[in-house]
Amino acid sequence: MRFQGAIVEADCILLIRFRDPVTKRSFRLIPGGGIESDETEEERVAHELREETNLEVKVERFLLEQGDPAGFYPRVETYLCRVKSRI
């Protein structure tokens, strides 16, 4: 399962650029990742956003669950997040 955080400000959404090391193909996606420890889903989202964006966020609420179009994860959960501070 992948957990990701959507940061929306001024009608824009924050995306990160990912480059596949095998195919060299680049694409953009909402920051996030899989659970690696005993964290809750909200803690994992905040952790991933801190690692990938240098932002401290407040996880506001669950938005949706869907299949992973890239096929890396069986399911993807997306949470709405608000920036608290920059690291």
PDB file of N, CA and C in Angstrom:
ATOM      1  N   MET A   1       0.846  -1.176   0.000  1.00  0.00           N
ATOM      2  CA  MET A   1       0.000   0.000   0.000  1.00  0.00           C
ATOM      3  C   MET A   1       0.891   1.239   0.000  1.00  0.00           C
ATOM      4  N   ARG A   2       0.526   2.207  -0.812  1.00  0.00           N
ATOM      5  CA  ARG A   2       1.238   3.492  -0.861  1.00  0.00           C
ATOM      6  C   ARG A   2       0.362   4.540  -0.190  1.00  0.00           C
ATOM      7  N   PHE A   3       0.993   5.399   0.612  1.00  0.00           N
ATOM      8  CA  PHE A   3       0.314   6.491   1.294  1.00  0.00           C
ATOM      9  C   PHE A   3       0.938   7.787   0.814  1.00  0.00           C
ATOM     10  N   GLN A   4       0.097   8.710   0.333  1.00  0.00           N
ATOM     11  CA  GLN A   4       0.630   9.951  -0.222  1.00  0.00           C
ATOM     12  C   GLN A   4      -0.164  11.138   0.285  1.00  0.00           C
ATOM     13  N   GLY A   5       0.504  12.306   0.268  1.00  0.00           N
ATOM     14  CA  GLY A   5      -0.104  13.520   0.782  1.00  0.00           C
ATOM     15  C   GLY A   5      -0.244  14.584  -0.278  1.00  0.00           C
ATOM     16  N   ALA A   6      -1.474  15.041  -0.486  1.00  0.00           N
ATOM     17  CA  ALA A   6      -1.758  16.100  -1.449  1.00  0.00           C
ATOM     18  C   ALA A   6      -1.720  17.442  -0.721  1.00  0.00           C
ATOM     19  N   ILE A   7      -0.766  18.275  -1.111  1.00  0.00           N
ATOM     20  CA  ILE A   7      -0.664  19.631  -0.570  1.00  0.00           C
ATOM     21  C   ILE A   7      -1.210  20.565  -1.639  1.00  0.00           C
ATOM     22  N   VAL A   8      -2.325  21.209  -1.313  1.00  0.00           N
ATOM     23  CA  VAL A   8      -2.985  22.109  -2.263  1.00  0.00           C
ATOM     24  C   VAL A   8      -2.940  23.525  -1.696  1.00  0.00           C
ATOM     25  N   GLU A   9      -2.382  24.448  -2.482  1.00  0.00           N
ATOM     26  CA  GLU A   9      -2.326  25.866  -2.107  1.00  0.00           C
ATOM     27  C   GLU A   9      -2.559  26.704  -3.355  1.00  0.00           C
ATOM     28  N   ALA A  10      -3.391  27.710  -3.249  1.00  0.00           N
ATOM     29  CA  ALA A  10      -3.653  28.652  -4.345  1.00  0.00           C
ATOM     30  C   ALA A  10      -4.004  27.909  -5.642  1.00  0.00           C
ATOM     31  N   ASP A  11      -4.875  26.929  -5.538  1.00  0.00           N
ATOM     32  CA  ASP A  11      -5.333  26.134  -6.685  1.00  0.00           C
ATOM     33  C   ASP A  11      -4.210  25.375  -7.389  1.00  0.00           C
ATOM     34  N   CYS A  12      -3.118  25.092  -6.677  1.00  0.00           N
ATOM     35  CA  CYS A  12      -2.009  24.309  -7.216  1.00  0.00           C
ATOM     36  C   CYS A  12      -1.766  23.124  -6.298  1.00  0.00           C
ATOM     37  N   ILE A  13      -1.266  22.028  -6.869  1.00  0.00           N
ATOM     38  CA  ILE A  13      -0.931  20.854  -6.071  1.00  0.00           C
ATOM     39  C   ILE A  13       0.561  20.573  -6.215  1.00  0.00           C
ATOM     40  N   LEU A  14       1.199  20.252  -5.092  1.00  0.00           N
ATOM     41  CA  LEU A  14       2.628  19.964  -5.098  1.00  0.00           C
ATOM     42  C   LEU A  14       2.872  18.558  -5.632  1.00  0.00           C
ATOM     43  N   LEU A  15       3.725  18.463  -6.655  1.00  0.00           N
ATOM     44  CA  LEU A  15       4.131  17.174  -7.223  1.00  0.00           C
ATOM     45  C   LEU A  15       5.644  17.081  -7.178  1.00  0.00           C
ATOM     46  N   ILE A  16       6.153  15.857  -7.105  1.00  0.00           N
ATOM     47  CA  ILE A  16       7.594  15.658  -7.182  1.00  0.00           C
ATOM     48  C   ILE A  16       7.917  14.960  -8.504  1.00  0.00           C
ATOM     49  N   ARG A  17       9.122  15.182  -8.991  1.00  0.00           N
ATOM     50  CA  ARG A  17       9.570  14.543 -10.232  1.00  0.00           C
ATOM     51  C   ARG A  17      10.301  13.259  -9.853  1.00  0.00           C
ATOM     52  N   PHE A  18       9.907  12.166 -10.483  1.00  0.00           N
ATOM     53  CA  PHE A  18      10.533  10.869 -10.244  1.00  0.00           C
ATOM     54  C   PHE A  18      11.120  10.380 -11.562  1.00  0.00           C
ATOM     55  N   ARG A  19      12.323   9.863 -11.489  1.00  0.00           N
ATOM     56  CA  ARG A  19      12.960   9.307 -12.690  1.00  0.00           C
ATOM     57  C   ARG A  19      13.215   7.827 -12.435  1.00  0.00           C
ATOM     58  N   ASP A  20      12.613   6.984 -13.258  1.00  0.00           N
ATOM     59  CA  ASP A  20      12.783   5.535 -13.141  1.00  0.00           C
ATOM     60  C   ASP A  20      14.221   5.185 -13.506  1.00  0.00           C
ATOM     61  N   PRO A  21      14.959   4.540 -12.580  1.00  0.00           N
ATOM     62  CA  PRO A  21      16.371   4.253 -12.853  1.00  0.00           C
ATOM     63  C   PRO A  21      16.572   3.222 -13.967  1.00  0.00           C
ATOM     64  N   VAL A  22      15.581   2.399 -14.231  1.00  0.00           N
ATOM     65  CA  VAL A  22      15.701   1.372 -15.262  1.00  0.00           C
ATOM     66  C   VAL A  22      15.359   1.931 -16.644  1.00  0.00           C
ATOM     67  N   THR A  23      14.181   2.528 -16.756  1.00  0.00           N
ATOM     68  CA  THR A  23      13.721   3.012 -18.065  1.00  0.00           C
ATOM     69  C   THR A  23      14.194   4.426 -18.370  1.00  0.00           C
ATOM     70  N   LYS A  24      14.665   5.154 -17.338  1.00  0.00           N
ATOM     71  CA  LYS A  24      15.081   6.558 -17.453  1.00  0.00           C
ATOM     72  C   LYS A  24      13.896   7.482 -17.749  1.00  0.00           C
ATOM     73  N   ARG A  25      12.687   6.961 -17.684  1.00  0.00           N
ATOM     74  CA  ARG A  25      11.480   7.760 -17.915  1.00  0.00           C
ATOM     75  C   ARG A  25      11.202   8.626 -16.696  1.00  0.00           C
ATOM     76  N   SER A  26      10.836   9.881 -16.908  1.00  0.00           N
ATOM     77  CA  SER A  26      10.499  10.794 -15.815  1.00  0.00           C
ATOM     78  C   SER A  26       9.003  11.027 -15.794  1.00  0.00           C
ATOM     79  N   PHE A  27       8.467  11.150 -14.587  1.00  0.00           N
ATOM     80  CA  PHE A  27       7.074  11.520 -14.434  1.00  0.00           C
ATOM     81  C   PHE A  27       6.900  12.205 -13.098  1.00  0.00           C
ATOM     82  N   ARG A  28       5.765  12.822 -12.892  1.00  0.00           N
ATOM     83  CA  ARG A  28       5.471  13.557 -11.669  1.00  0.00           C
ATOM     84  C   ARG A  28       4.407  12.820 -10.879  1.00  0.00           C
ATOM     85  N   LEU A  29       4.534  12.884  -9.565  1.00  0.00           N
ATOM     86  CA  LEU A  29       3.564  12.228  -8.710  1.00  0.00           C
ATOM     87  C   LEU A  29       3.438  12.944  -7.380  1.00  0.00           C
ATOM     88  N   ILE A  30       2.371  12.629  -6.663  1.00  0.00           N
ATOM     89  CA  ILE A  30       2.147  13.170  -5.325  1.00  0.00           C
ATOM     90  C   ILE A  30       3.154  12.499  -4.399  1.00  0.00           C
ATOM     91  N   PRO A  31       3.842  13.251  -3.518  1.00  0.00           N
ATOM     92  CA  PRO A  31       4.832  12.639  -2.639  1.00  0.00           C
ATOM     93  C   PRO A  31       4.202  11.626  -1.689  1.00  0.00           C
ATOM     94  N   GLY A  32       4.930  10.548  -1.441  1.00  0.00           N
ATOM     95  CA  GLY A  32       4.449   9.516  -0.528  1.00  0.00           C
ATOM     96  C   GLY A  32       5.321   8.282  -0.604  1.00  0.00           C
ATOM     97  N   GLY A  33       4.852   7.204   0.007  1.00  0.00           N
ATOM     98  CA  GLY A  33       5.591   5.951   0.003  1.00  0.00           C
ATOM     99  C   GLY A  33       4.852   4.892   0.793  1.00  0.00           C
ATOM    100  N   GLY A  34       5.482   3.745   0.925  1.00  0.00           N
ATOM    101  CA  GLY A  34       4.886   2.635   1.645  1.00  0.00           C
ATOM    102  C   GLY A  34       5.223   2.672   3.126  1.00  0.00           C
ATOM    103  N   ILE A  35       4.432   1.941   3.907  1.00  0.00           N
ATOM    104  CA  ILE A  35       4.696   1.850   5.351  1.00  0.00           C
ATOM    105  C   ILE A  35       5.898   0.949   5.567  1.00  0.00           C
ATOM    106  N   GLU A  36       6.871   1.444   6.322  1.00  0.00           N
ATOM    107  CA  GLU A  36       8.106   0.710   6.567  1.00  0.00           C
ATOM    108  C   GLU A  36       8.286   0.335   8.030  1.00  0.00           C
ATOM    109  N   SER A  37       7.452   0.844   8.896  1.00  0.00           N
ATOM    110  CA  SER A  37       7.603   0.555  10.324  1.00  0.00           C
ATOM    111  C   SER A  37       6.228   0.476  10.961  1.00  0.00           C
ATOM    112  N   ASP A  38       6.169   0.703  12.266  1.00  0.00           N
ATOM    113  CA  ASP A  38       4.895   0.612  12.982  1.00  0.00           C
ATOM    114  C   ASP A  38       4.160   1.954  13.023  1.00  0.00           C
ATOM    115  N   GLU A  39       4.405   2.822  12.045  1.00  0.00           N
ATOM    116  CA  GLU A  39       3.743   4.119  11.979  1.00  0.00           C
ATOM    117  C   GLU A  39       2.275   3.953  11.563  1.00  0.00           C
ATOM    118  N   THR A  40       1.450   4.908  11.975  1.00  0.00           N
ATOM    119  CA  THR A  40       0.087   4.963  11.461  1.00  0.00           C
ATOM    120  C   THR A  40       0.150   5.490  10.033  1.00  0.00           C
ATOM    121  N   GLU A  41      -0.962   5.406   9.332  1.00  0.00           N
ATOM    122  CA  GLU A  41      -1.004   5.911   7.963  1.00  0.00           C
ATOM    123  C   GLU A  41      -0.717   7.409   7.931  1.00  0.00           C
ATOM    124  N   GLU A  42      -1.300   8.164   8.858  1.00  0.00           N
ATOM    125  CA  GLU A  42      -1.083   9.609   8.896  1.00  0.00           C
ATOM    126  C   GLU A  42       0.376   9.936   9.228  1.00  0.00           C
ATOM    127  N   GLU A  43       0.978   9.193  10.151  1.00  0.00           N
ATOM    128  CA  GLU A  43       2.393   9.400  10.487  1.00  0.00           C
ATOM    129  C   GLU A  43       3.281   9.100   9.289  1.00  0.00           C
ATOM    130  N   ARG A  44       2.954   8.068   8.528  1.00  0.00           N
ATOM    131  CA  ARG A  44       3.741   7.704   7.343  1.00  0.00           C
ATOM    132  C   ARG A  44       3.655   8.809   6.300  1.00  0.00           C
ATOM    133  N   VAL A  45       2.448   9.351   6.064  1.00  0.00           N
ATOM    134  CA  VAL A  45       2.285  10.440   5.096  1.00  0.00           C
ATOM    135  C   VAL A  45       3.148  11.631   5.508  1.00  0.00           C
ATOM    136  N   ALA A  46       3.045  12.045   6.771  1.00  0.00           N
ATOM    137  CA  ALA A  46       3.831  13.190   7.259  1.00  0.00           C
ATOM    138  C   ALA A  46       5.326  12.912   7.138  1.00  0.00           C
ATOM    139  N   HIS A  47       5.748  11.686   7.454  1.00  0.00           N
ATOM    140  CA  HIS A  47       7.160  11.285   7.372  1.00  0.00           C
ATOM    141  C   HIS A  47       7.655  11.381   5.925  1.00  0.00           C
ATOM    142  N   GLU A  48       6.892  10.830   4.990  1.00  0.00           N
ATOM    143  CA  GLU A  48       7.296  10.851   3.582  1.00  0.00           C
ATOM    144  C   GLU A  48       7.374  12.274   3.035  1.00  0.00           C
ATOM    145  N   LEU A  49       6.401  13.108   3.395  1.00  0.00           N
ATOM    146  CA  LEU A  49       6.431  14.491   2.915  1.00  0.00           C
ATOM    147  C   LEU A  49       7.619  15.251   3.491  1.00  0.00           C
ATOM    148  N   ARG A  50       7.955  14.979   4.748  1.00  0.00           N
ATOM    149  CA  ARG A  50       9.129  15.611   5.361  1.00  0.00           C
ATOM    150  C   ARG A  50      10.394  15.182   4.614  1.00  0.00           C
ATOM    151  N   GLU A  51      10.525  13.888   4.311  1.00  0.00           N
ATOM    152  CA  GLU A  51      11.701  13.371   3.604  1.00  0.00           C
ATOM    153  C   GLU A  51      11.807  13.908   2.179  1.00  0.00           C
ATOM    154  N   GLU A  52      10.686  13.940   1.470  1.00  0.00           N
ATOM    155  CA  GLU A  52      10.716  14.240   0.046  1.00  0.00           C
ATOM    156  C   GLU A  52      10.582  15.721  -0.295  1.00  0.00           C
ATOM    157  N   THR A  53      10.052  16.532   0.636  1.00  0.00           N
ATOM    158  CA  THR A  53       9.805  17.934   0.322  1.00  0.00           C
ATOM    159  C   THR A  53      10.398  18.916   1.323  1.00  0.00           C
ATOM    160  N   ASN A  54      10.919  18.431   2.446  1.00  0.00           N
ATOM    161  CA  ASN A  54      11.402  19.285   3.536  1.00  0.00           C
ATOM    162  C   ASN A  54      10.289  20.160   4.107  1.00  0.00           C
ATOM    163  N   LEU A  55       9.077  19.628   4.140  1.00  0.00           N
ATOM    164  CA  LEU A  55       7.935  20.342   4.707  1.00  0.00           C
ATOM    165  C   LEU A  55       7.358  19.555   5.879  1.00  0.00           C
ATOM    166  N   GLU A  56       7.053  20.264   6.955  1.00  0.00           N
ATOM    167  CA  GLU A  56       6.284  19.675   8.058  1.00  0.00           C
ATOM    168  C   GLU A  56       4.825  19.903   7.712  1.00  0.00           C
ATOM    169  N   VAL A  57       4.028  18.840   7.731  1.00  0.00           N
ATOM    170  CA  VAL A  57       2.625  18.975   7.351  1.00  0.00           C
ATOM    171  C   VAL A  57       1.707  18.479   8.455  1.00  0.00           C
ATOM    172  N   LYS A  58       0.487  18.966   8.404  1.00  0.00           N
ATOM    173  CA  LYS A  58      -0.598  18.448   9.232  1.00  0.00           C
ATOM    174  C   LYS A  58      -1.478  17.666   8.274  1.00  0.00           C
ATOM    175  N   VAL A  59      -1.687  16.398   8.585  1.00  0.00           N
ATOM    176  CA  VAL A  59      -2.574  15.584   7.764  1.00  0.00           C
ATOM    177  C   VAL A  59      -4.000  15.946   8.158  1.00  0.00           C
ATOM    178  N   GLU A  60      -4.730  16.551   7.236  1.00  0.00           N
ATOM    179  CA  GLU A  60      -6.071  17.062   7.512  1.00  0.00           C
ATOM    180  C   GLU A  60      -7.126  15.960   7.492  1.00  0.00           C
ATOM    181  N   ARG A  61      -7.136  15.187   6.381  1.00  0.00           N
ATOM    182  CA  ARG A  61      -8.160  14.152   6.273  1.00  0.00           C
ATOM    183  C   ARG A  61      -7.866  13.227   5.106  1.00  0.00           C
ATOM    184  N   PHE A  62      -8.496  12.063   5.142  1.00  0.00           N
ATOM    185  CA  PHE A  62      -8.420  11.086   4.065  1.00  0.00           C
ATOM    186  C   PHE A  62      -9.209  11.595   2.863  1.00  0.00           C
ATOM    187  N   LEU A  63      -8.629  11.470   1.657  1.00  0.00           N
ATOM    188  CA  LEU A  63      -9.327  11.897   0.442  1.00  0.00           C
ATOM    189  C   LEU A  63      -9.880  10.723  -0.361  1.00  0.00           C
ATOM    190  N   LEU A  64      -9.006   9.780  -0.723  1.00  0.00           N
ATOM    191  CA  LEU A  64      -9.471   8.680  -1.565  1.00  0.00           C
ATOM    192  C   LEU A  64      -8.500   7.508  -1.553  1.00  0.00           C
ATOM    193  N   GLU A  65      -9.028   6.374  -1.964  1.00  0.00           N
ATOM    194  CA  GLU A  65      -8.232   5.165  -2.158  1.00  0.00           C
ATOM    195  C   GLU A  65      -8.470   4.701  -3.586  1.00  0.00           C
ATOM    196  N   GLN A  66      -7.386   4.298  -4.252  1.00  0.00           N
ATOM    197  CA  GLN A  66      -7.505   3.879  -5.650  1.00  0.00           C
ATOM    198  C   GLN A  66      -6.427   2.859  -5.975  1.00  0.00           C
ATOM    199  N   GLY A  67      -6.535   2.243  -7.137  1.00  0.00           N
ATOM    200  CA  GLY A  67      -5.476   1.375  -7.615  1.00  0.00           C
ATOM    201  C   GLY A  67      -4.280   2.209  -8.039  1.00  0.00           C
ATOM    202  N   ASP A  68      -3.116   1.594  -8.079  1.00  0.00           N
ATOM    203  CA  ASP A  68      -1.897   2.289  -8.485  1.00  0.00           C
ATOM    204  C   ASP A  68      -1.729   2.171  -9.993  1.00  0.00           C
ATOM    205  N   PRO A  69      -1.855   3.285 -10.734  1.00  0.00           N
ATOM    206  CA  PRO A  69      -1.729   3.204 -12.192  1.00  0.00           C
ATOM    207  C   PRO A  69      -0.350   2.723 -12.638  1.00  0.00           C
ATOM    208  N   ALA A  70       0.673   2.945 -11.821  1.00  0.00           N
ATOM    209  CA  ALA A  70       2.028   2.499 -12.174  1.00  0.00           C
ATOM    210  C   ALA A  70       2.239   1.021 -11.871  1.00  0.00           C
ATOM    211  N   GLY A  71       1.378   0.447 -11.037  1.00  0.00           N
ATOM    212  CA  GLY A  71       1.472  -0.970 -10.733  1.00  0.00           C
ATOM    213  C   GLY A  71       2.499  -1.360  -9.682  1.00  0.00           C
ATOM    214  N   PHE A  72       3.065  -0.382  -8.962  1.00  0.00           N
ATOM    215  CA  PHE A  72       4.057  -0.684  -7.935  1.00  0.00           C
ATOM    216  C   PHE A  72       3.406  -1.155  -6.636  1.00  0.00           C
ATOM    217  N   TYR A  73       2.230  -0.634  -6.324  1.00  0.00           N
ATOM    218  CA  TYR A  73       1.527  -0.931  -5.077  1.00  0.00           C
ATOM    219  C   TYR A  73       0.137  -1.474  -5.407  1.00  0.00           C
ATOM    220  N   PRO A  74      -0.411  -2.345  -4.547  1.00  0.00           N
ATOM    221  CA  PRO A  74      -1.765  -2.832  -4.812  1.00  0.00           C
ATOM    222  C   PRO A  74      -2.825  -1.732  -4.697  1.00  0.00           C
ATOM    223  N   ARG A  75      -2.643  -0.813  -3.764  1.00  0.00           N
ATOM    224  CA  ARG A  75      -3.594   0.288  -3.549  1.00  0.00           C
ATOM    225  C   ARG A  75      -2.819   1.547  -3.177  1.00  0.00           C
ATOM    226  N   VAL A  76      -3.449   2.704  -3.412  1.00  0.00           N
ATOM    227  CA  VAL A  76      -2.874   4.003  -3.053  1.00  0.00           C
ATOM    228  C   VAL A  76      -3.910   4.769  -2.253  1.00  0.00           C
ATOM    229  N   GLU A  77      -3.518   5.263  -1.078  1.00  0.00           N
ATOM    230  CA  GLU A  77      -4.384   6.126  -0.278  1.00  0.00           C
ATOM    231  C   GLU A  77      -3.821   7.539  -0.307  1.00  0.00           C
ATOM    232  N   THR A  78      -4.700   8.517  -0.539  1.00  0.00           N
ATOM    233  CA  THR A  78      -4.292   9.914  -0.627  1.00  0.00           C
ATOM    234  C   THR A  78      -4.941  10.702   0.502  1.00  0.00           C
ATOM    235  N   TYR A  79      -4.129  11.522   1.172  1.00  0.00           N
ATOM    236  CA  TYR A  79      -4.585  12.358   2.287  1.00  0.00           C
ATOM    237  C   TYR A  79      -4.354  13.823   1.951  1.00  0.00           C
ATOM    238  N   LEU A  80      -5.282  14.663   2.336  1.00  0.00           N
ATOM    239  CA  LEU A  80      -5.125  16.107   2.188  1.00  0.00           C
ATOM    240  C   LEU A  80      -4.250  16.615   3.310  1.00  0.00           C
ATOM    241  N   CYS A  81      -3.219  17.395   2.969  1.00  0.00           N
ATOM    242  CA  CYS A  81      -2.269  17.901   3.958  1.00  0.00           C
ATOM    243  C   CYS A  81      -2.155  19.424   3.858  1.00  0.00           C
ATOM    244  N   ARG A  82      -1.786  20.027   4.984  1.00  0.00           N
ATOM    245  CA  ARG A  82      -1.553  21.473   5.050  1.00  0.00           C
ATOM    246  C   ARG A  82      -0.136  21.686   5.546  1.00  0.00           C
ATOM    247  N   VAL A  83       0.581  22.616   4.941  1.00  0.00           N
ATOM    248  CA  VAL A  83       1.955  22.911   5.354  1.00  0.00           C
ATOM    249  C   VAL A  83       1.929  23.640   6.684  1.00  0.00           C
ATOM    250  N   LYS A  84       2.683  23.115   7.666  1.00  0.00           N
ATOM    251  CA  LYS A  84       2.849  23.784   8.962  1.00  0.00           C
ATOM    252  C   LYS A  84       4.111  24.644   8.939  1.00  0.00           C
ATOM    253  N   SER A  85       5.187  24.074   8.385  1.00  0.00           N
ATOM    254  CA  SER A  85       6.456  24.817   8.339  1.00  0.00           C
ATOM    255  C   SER A  85       7.401  24.176   7.334  1.00  0.00           C
ATOM    256  N   ARG A  86       8.427  24.925   6.983  1.00  0.00           N
ATOM    257  CA  ARG A  86       9.489  24.423   6.113  1.00  0.00           C
ATOM    258  C   ARG A  86      10.685  24.080   6.984  1.00  0.00           C
ATOM    259  N   ILE A  87      11.340  23.001   6.650  1.00  0.00           N
ATOM    260  CA  ILE A  87      12.475  22.540   7.451  1.00  0.00           C
ATOM    261  C   ILE A  87      13.756  23.174   6.917  1.00  0.00           C
TER     262      ILE A  87
END
